[in-house]
Protein backbone atom coordinates (compact mmCIF):
# COMPACT_ATOMS: atom_id res chain seq x y z
CA MET A 1 7.73 -3.62 19.94
CA ARG A 2 7.29 -7.36 20.85
CA ILE A 3 9.72 -9.67 18.78
CA LEU A 4 8.32 -13.19 18.00
CA ASP A 5 9.53 -16.02 16.07
CA CYS A 6 8.13 -16.64 12.46
CA GLY A 7 8.84 -20.35 11.71
CA ASP A 8 12.49 -20.98 11.43
CA SER A 9 13.52 -18.52 9.05
CA ALA A 10 12.16 -15.17 10.12
CA VAL A 11 11.48 -12.85 13.43
CA LEU A 12 8.10 -10.80 13.74
CA VAL A 13 8.56 -7.58 14.71
CA GLU A 14 5.13 -6.37 16.21
CA LEU A 15 4.76 -2.07 16.82
CA ALA A 16 2.19 -0.01 18.30
CA ASP A 17 1.23 2.11 15.20
CA LEU A 18 2.20 2.51 11.13
CA ASP A 19 4.43 5.68 12.34
CA GLU A 20 6.22 3.11 14.43
CA VAL A 21 6.60 0.59 11.62
CA LEU A 22 7.97 3.25 9.37
CA GLY A 23 10.47 4.47 11.85
CA CYS A 24 11.11 0.42 12.09
CA TYR A 25 11.86 -0.29 8.80
CA ALA A 26 14.46 2.99 7.91
CA ALA A 27 16.53 1.68 10.80
CA LEU A 28 16.72 -1.74 9.39
CA VAL A 29 16.80 -0.75 5.95
CA GLU A 30 19.92 1.33 7.39
CA ARG A 31 21.56 -1.24 9.05
CA PRO A 32 20.25 -4.53 8.59
CA PRO A 33 21.09 -7.05 11.19
CA PRO A 34 23.66 -10.35 10.29
CA HIS A 35 21.99 -12.83 8.31
CA VAL A 36 18.67 -10.97 6.85
CA VAL A 37 17.59 -11.47 3.39
CA ASP A 38 14.49 -8.97 3.18
CA LEU A 39 12.21 -7.05 5.25
CA VAL A 40 8.28 -7.15 4.95
CA PRO A 41 6.28 -4.21 6.24
CA ALA A 42 2.68 -4.08 7.47
CA ALA A 43 0.40 -2.17 8.87
CA ARG A 44 1.34 -2.87 12.58
CA THR A 45 4.36 -5.33 11.92
CA VAL A 46 7.90 -5.66 9.92
CA LEU A 47 8.87 -9.34 8.98
CA VAL A 48 12.23 -9.71 9.17
CA ARG A 49 13.34 -13.05 6.77
CA VAL A 50 16.71 -14.27 7.81
CA ARG A 51 19.45 -17.02 6.36
CA PRO A 52 18.16 -20.39 8.74
CA GLY A 53 21.19 -21.53 11.02
CA PRO A 54 22.26 -22.59 14.46
CA GLY A 55 21.67 -19.53 16.47
CA VAL A 56 20.46 -17.03 13.54
CA LEU A 57 17.03 -16.97 15.18
CA ALA A 58 18.50 -15.66 18.51
CA GLU A 59 21.48 -13.45 17.26
CA VAL A 60 18.70 -10.94 15.40
CA ARG A 61 16.35 -11.34 18.01
CA ALA A 62 19.00 -9.62 20.26
CA ALA A 63 19.79 -6.99 17.49
CA LEU A 64 16.25 -5.88 17.15
CA ALA A 65 15.57 -5.65 21.07
CA GLY A 66 18.70 -2.55 20.82
CA LEU A 67 17.08 -1.60 17.72
CA ARG A 68 16.43 2.48 17.84
CA PRO A 69 14.77 4.36 15.39
CA ARG A 70 14.95 7.99 14.88
CA ALA A 71 12.28 10.02 15.49
CA GLY A 72 10.88 10.77 11.60
CA ALA A 73 13.42 8.45 9.89
CA ARG A 74 11.72 7.01 6.56
CA ALA A 75 13.33 4.72 4.39
CA ASP A 76 14.02 6.44 1.03
CA GLY A 77 13.34 3.83 -2.05
CA GLY A 78 13.63 6.90 -4.46
CA LEU A 79 10.84 8.84 -6.66
CA VAL A 80 8.01 7.72 -8.70
CA GLU A 81 5.72 10.38 -10.43
CA VAL A 82 2.57 9.07 -11.56
CA PRO A 83 0.39 11.36 -14.01
CA VAL A 84 -3.56 11.51 -13.38
CA HIS A 85 -6.25 11.76 -15.66
CA TYR A 86 -8.70 13.11 -12.47
CA ASP A 87 -12.15 12.01 -13.69
CA GLY A 88 -12.69 9.81 -11.79
CA ALA A 89 -16.25 8.46 -10.46
CA ASP A 90 -16.07 9.72 -6.97
CA LEU A 91 -14.37 13.05 -7.22
CA ALA A 92 -17.14 14.59 -7.13
CA ASP A 93 -18.24 12.78 -3.65
CA VAL A 94 -15.25 13.25 -2.32
CA ALA A 95 -15.04 16.89 -2.85
CA GLU A 96 -18.47 16.65 -0.92
CA LEU A 97 -17.23 14.91 2.27
CA THR A 98 -14.06 17.14 2.59
CA GLY A 99 -16.14 20.34 1.59
CA LEU A 100 -13.27 21.23 -1.44
CA SER A 101 -13.99 21.68 -4.68
CA GLU A 102 -13.18 19.24 -7.30
CA ALA A 103 -10.23 21.46 -8.46
CA GLU A 104 -9.15 21.67 -4.72
CA VAL A 105 -9.09 18.21 -4.12
CA VAL A 106 -6.93 17.29 -6.85
CA ALA A 107 -4.64 20.50 -5.67
CA ALA A 108 -4.73 18.64 -2.79
CA HIS A 109 -3.80 15.29 -3.96
CA THR A 110 -0.96 16.43 -6.01
CA GLY A 111 0.05 19.05 -3.37
CA ARG A 112 2.45 16.79 -1.41
CA GLU A 113 4.76 13.81 -2.02
CA TRP A 114 3.16 10.47 -0.58
CA ARG A 115 5.33 7.57 0.26
CA VAL A 116 4.54 3.59 -0.13
CA ALA A 117 4.29 2.53 3.82
CA PHE A 118 3.47 -1.17 3.30
CA CYS A 119 1.98 -3.28 0.31
CA GLY A 120 -0.69 -6.16 0.12
CA PHE A 121 -3.84 -7.08 -1.12
CA ALA A 122 -2.82 -7.53 -4.79
CA PRO A 123 0.81 -7.97 -6.14
CA GLY A 124 1.88 -3.94 -7.05
CA PHE A 125 -0.57 -2.44 -4.95
CA GLY A 126 1.23 -0.04 -2.65
CA TYR A 127 -0.62 1.89 0.74
CA LEU A 128 0.49 5.69 0.49
CA VAL A 129 0.78 7.93 3.30
CA GLY A 130 1.99 10.90 3.95
CA GLY A 131 -1.00 13.39 1.70
CA ASP A 132 -2.91 16.16 2.98
CA PRO A 133 -4.91 15.22 5.77
CA ARG A 134 -7.85 17.32 4.42
CA LEU A 135 -8.19 14.20 1.75
CA LYS A 136 -8.70 11.36 4.82
CA VAL A 137 -12.11 9.81 3.35
CA PRO A 138 -14.16 7.01 4.45
CA ARG A 139 -14.56 4.15 2.06
CA ARG A 140 -17.87 3.77 -0.32
CA GLU A 141 -20.64 2.02 1.85
CA GLN A 142 -20.63 -0.81 -0.86
CA SER A 143 -17.49 -1.97 -2.96
CA ARG A 144 -17.88 -2.24 -6.82
CA VAL A 145 -17.79 -5.22 -8.40
CA ARG A 146 -15.07 -4.02 -10.78
CA VAL A 147 -12.36 -0.90 -10.51
CA PRO A 148 -10.37 -0.66 -13.63
CA ALA A 149 -6.71 -1.47 -13.54
CA GLY A 150 -5.12 2.03 -13.14
CA SER A 151 -7.44 3.56 -10.32
CA VAL A 152 -6.55 6.11 -8.14
CA ALA A 153 -8.32 6.26 -5.26
CA LEU A 154 -8.49 6.69 -1.31
CA ALA A 155 -9.53 5.17 1.78
CA GLY A 156 -8.84 6.77 5.47
CA GLU A 157 -5.21 8.29 5.41
CA PHE A 158 -4.47 6.28 1.68
CA SER A 159 -4.14 6.70 -1.48
CA GLY A 160 -3.11 4.00 -3.31
CA VAL A 161 -3.25 2.70 -7.59
CA TYR A 162 -4.82 -0.64 -8.32
CA PRO A 163 -2.63 -2.91 -10.45
CA ARG A 164 -5.32 -4.66 -12.15
CA SER A 165 -8.79 -4.56 -12.48
CA SER A 166 -10.34 -6.01 -9.60
CA PRO A 167 -13.07 -5.55 -6.70
CA GLY A 168 -12.82 -2.72 -4.50
CA GLY A 169 -14.39 -0.16 -2.17
CA TRP A 170 -12.14 3.03 -1.90
CA GLN A 171 -12.75 6.38 -3.39
CA LEU A 172 -11.75 6.50 -7.01
CA LEU A 173 -10.41 9.75 -8.03
CA GLY A 174 -8.99 9.62 -11.25
CA ARG A 175 -7.15 7.19 -13.35
CA THR A 176 -3.26 6.69 -14.63
CA GLU A 177 -1.96 4.73 -17.84
CA LEU A 178 1.64 3.80 -15.97
CA ALA A 179 2.04 0.27 -15.28
CA VAL A 180 2.49 0.19 -11.32
CA TRP A 181 2.65 -3.86 -11.35
CA ASP A 182 4.36 -5.76 -14.40
CA PRO A 183 5.74 -9.28 -13.99
CA GLY A 184 8.04 -8.80 -17.04
CA ARG A 185 9.44 -5.95 -15.83
CA GLU A 186 12.64 -5.94 -12.96
CA PRO A 187 11.53 -4.91 -10.40
CA ALA A 188 7.81 -5.51 -11.22
CA ALA A 189 6.47 -3.15 -8.41
CA LEU A 190 7.27 0.17 -8.82
CA LEU A 191 5.43 1.52 -5.93
CA ALA A 192 7.58 -0.51 -3.33
CA PRO A 193 7.59 0.33 0.20
CA GLY A 194 9.92 3.79 0.85
CA VAL A 195 8.76 4.82 -2.46
CA ARG A 196 8.33 8.27 -2.82
CA VAL A 197 5.27 9.13 -5.01
CA ARG A 198 4.17 12.11 -6.46
CA PHE A 199 0.79 12.89 -8.05
CA VAL A 200 0.50 15.27 -11.42
CA ASP A 201 -2.36 15.99 -13.17
CA ALA A 202 -2.13 14.93 -16.85
CA GLY A 203 -5.26 16.59 -17.95
CA GLY A 204 -8.00 14.97 -19.65
CA SER A 205 -10.42 15.19 -16.88
CA ALA A 206 -14.12 15.34 -17.83
CA ALA A 207 -16.18 18.24 -18.58
CA ARG A 208 -18.05 19.45 -15.27
CA GLY A 209 -22.14 18.70 -15.47
CA PRO A 210 -24.42 19.96 -13.30
CA GLY A 211 -24.02 21.01 -10.02
CA GLY A 212 -20.14 20.83 -10.44
CA ARG A 213 -19.82 16.93 -11.05
CA SER A 214 -18.02 15.70 -14.03
CA ALA A 215 -20.11 14.51 -16.69
CA GLY A 216 -19.38 11.78 -18.54
CA ARG A 217 -17.60 9.48 -16.04
CA ALA A 218 -17.98 5.95 -16.33
CA ASP A 219 -19.12 4.58 -12.86
CA THR A 220 -17.92 1.12 -12.23
CA ALA A 221 -20.59 0.57 -9.17
CA ALA A 222 -22.60 -2.57 -8.12
CA PRO A 223 -25.70 -2.72 -8.81
CA GLY A 224 -27.77 -0.49 -6.14
CA GLY A 225 -24.00 0.78 -4.65
CA ALA A 226 -23.58 3.79 -2.69
CA ALA A 227 -21.10 6.42 -3.72
CA ARG A 228 -20.67 8.20 -0.75
CA GLY A 229 -18.70 6.84 2.01
CA ARG A 230 -19.18 5.03 5.87
CA PRO A 231 -17.32 6.46 8.99
CA ASP A 232 -14.59 3.39 8.56
CA GLY A 233 -11.73 4.17 6.30
CA GLY A 234 -10.90 1.00 5.03
CA THR A 235 -7.09 0.86 4.67
CA GLY A 236 -5.74 -1.92 3.47
CA SER A 237 7.34 -3.91 0.86
CA GLY A 238 11.91 -1.39 -0.96
CA GLY A 239 15.16 0.40 0.19
CA PRO A 240 18.12 2.87 -0.48
CA GLY A 241 17.84 3.98 -4.31
CA SER A 242 18.38 6.43 -6.53
CA CYS A 243 15.70 9.53 -7.50
CA VAL A 244 13.60 7.70 -10.52
CA THR A 245 11.24 9.21 -12.25
CA ALA A 246 8.49 6.99 -14.47
CA SER A 247 6.60 8.44 -16.85
CA ALA A 248 2.85 7.45 -18.00
CA GLY A 249 2.19 4.92 -20.77
CA PRO A 250 0.43 1.99 -22.25
CA ALA A 251 -0.49 0.09 -19.13
CA SER A 252 1.66 -3.00 -19.99
CA ALA A 253 4.81 -1.16 -20.71
CA ALA A 254 7.73 -0.29 -18.93
CA PRO A 255 8.83 3.26 -17.78
CA VAL A 256 10.42 5.66 -20.37
CA SER A 257 13.72 5.16 -21.51
CA GLY A 258 16.06 5.76 -18.82
CA ALA A 259 14.12 6.04 -15.80
CA THR A 260 15.06 4.24 -13.08
CA ALA A 261 13.19 1.70 -11.19
CA PRO A 262 12.75 1.52 -7.60
CA ARG A 263 15.49 -0.86 -5.95
CA SER A 264 14.42 -3.96 -3.56
CA VAL A 265 16.41 -3.86 -0.33
CA PHE A 266 18.06 -7.31 -0.64
CA PRO A 267 18.10 -7.25 -4.48
CA SER A 268 20.39 -10.60 -3.84
CA SER A 269 17.14 -12.45 -2.33
CA ALA A 270 15.33 -11.42 -5.54
CA ALA A 271 16.08 -14.84 -6.95
CA GLU A 272 14.26 -16.65 -4.62
CA LYS A 273 11.22 -15.12 -5.38
CA LYS A 274 8.34 -16.39 -8.05
CA PRO A 275 5.62 -14.09 -9.06
CA PRO A 276 2.41 -15.46 -7.37
CA PRO A 277 -1.14 -16.66 -9.00
CA ALA A 278 -3.70 -14.27 -9.78
CA GLN A 279 -5.65 -13.22 -6.95
CA GLY A 280 -8.94 -11.42 -6.10
CA GLY A 281 -10.30 -9.44 -3.54
CA ASP A 282 -11.10 -6.23 -2.24
CA PRO A 283 -8.29 -4.05 -1.01
CA ASP A 284 -11.36 -3.56 2.32
CA THR A 285 -11.02 -7.24 3.04
CA HIS A 286 -8.39 -8.90 5.54
CA SER A 287 -5.13 -11.04 3.82
CA SER A 288 -5.41 -14.55 4.21
CA VAL A 289 -2.12 -14.93 5.82
CA PRO A 290 -2.48 -15.67 9.77
CA ASP A 291 -0.28 -13.64 11.81
CA VAL A 292 1.52 -15.94 14.95
CA ARG A 293 -1.40 -15.84 16.80
CA GLY A 294 -3.90 -17.08 14.16
CA ALA A 295 -5.48 -13.41 13.56
CA SER A 296 -6.03 -13.08 9.82
CA ARG A 297 -4.49 -9.43 9.88
CA TYR A 298 -1.16 -8.79 8.25
CA PRO A 299 -0.36 -9.31 4.42
CA LEU A 300 3.08 -10.34 3.63
CA VAL A 301 4.57 -8.70 0.50
CA VAL A 302 8.13 -9.46 -0.93
CA ASP A 303 9.07 -7.30 -3.50
CA GLY A 304 5.95 -6.14 -4.19
CA ARG A 305 4.60 -9.75 -4.59
CA ALA A 306 2.17 -10.30 -2.36
CA ALA A 307 2.48 -13.81 -0.50
CA ALA A 308 -1.80 -14.03 -0.21
CA GLY A 309 -4.81 -12.28 -0.47
CA GLY A 310 -6.33 -8.68 0.70
CA PRO A 311 -4.49 -6.31 2.86
CA VAL A 312 -5.69 -5.25 6.26
CA ASP A 313 -8.51 -2.89 7.20
CA GLY A 314 -7.05 -0.49 9.56
CA GLY A 315 -8.45 -2.50 12.46
CA VAL A 316 -11.96 -1.52 11.79
CA ARG A 317 -13.31 -4.82 11.27
CA GLU A 318 -10.46 -7.23 13.15
CA ARG A 319 -11.67 -10.67 13.02
CA ALA A 320 -10.24 -12.36 16.56
CA ALA A 321 -8.74 -15.21 16.12
CA PRO A 322 -9.73 -18.71 17.61
CA GLY A 323 -10.25 -18.58 20.93
CA ARG A 324 -10.04 -14.82 21.27
CA SER A 325 -12.54 -12.41 21.93
CA ALA A 326 -13.31 -9.38 19.52
CA ALA A 327 -12.49 -6.92 22.98
CA ALA A 328 -8.78 -8.94 22.89
CA ALA A 329 -8.56 -8.44 19.02
CA ALA A 330 -9.10 -4.85 19.43
CA VAL A 331 -6.44 -4.38 22.05
CA ASP A 332 -4.15 -5.29 19.55
CA ARG A 333 -4.76 -2.82 16.85
């Protein structure tokens, strides 16, 4: 673990891998150091935002140095159920890549609870982990120019739900009508870090065509784009809350009456945040937010609101910081 000042109002904790991030985040949610107003996990870091003041950063650094996360501990931000119509353009290709039938892919995707590890790429885009390891598949060789909002997808160890129409290179399994991001709702993002997610088969899959493929799917691939993946799985922030269940509804609607949305770690800091401008990009490109060494790796997201562009890519296409070699950048992964 490495602890670095990040301006005059934050400390960046660098960790070895995502598992360490999840443990560190859980420990900080359970017992945040004094002066902390927000926690922002990413693929290899946790940004700890504080109220600026004399001696505050030194006090927080000391508290972080003594942090001892419990093995396997995870923050629990409640449960969200996501109804999915499994008729995605890449369902047959995922079945071929995994050696499963399409029905077995659906059963594997719905058979375990996932958990939001961190957010990035676009407001409301959560990177979900903890699924069936058989579903670890590479991203597509070529990104689509447009992936519809509500698309449910896989890439590497992650699953995710596209909060709005955007380019994307993940393997599309299906679609949901649940609005995972709604600026008019509080909180705007359903899938905040720590939230548990259960995908539910909502039916309505297209009929199977010759060779087991689903007929009638609308493939959104870019012209000439291949549906098969490549060997680098593309990859790309909630606190204790009551168990929640959000049911499907119109894409612009909030959860059904009676559903409780996941709560922020630090609700008092929500007033400080404003919705970001619309963003484009692809969840397989790097964030434009530089880390303290200049490498563009860490998406910063506050209560589901992205502070800048796309998420990390698992280090596969890591860009070296100015003056650093690609080999040096690889060491940080």
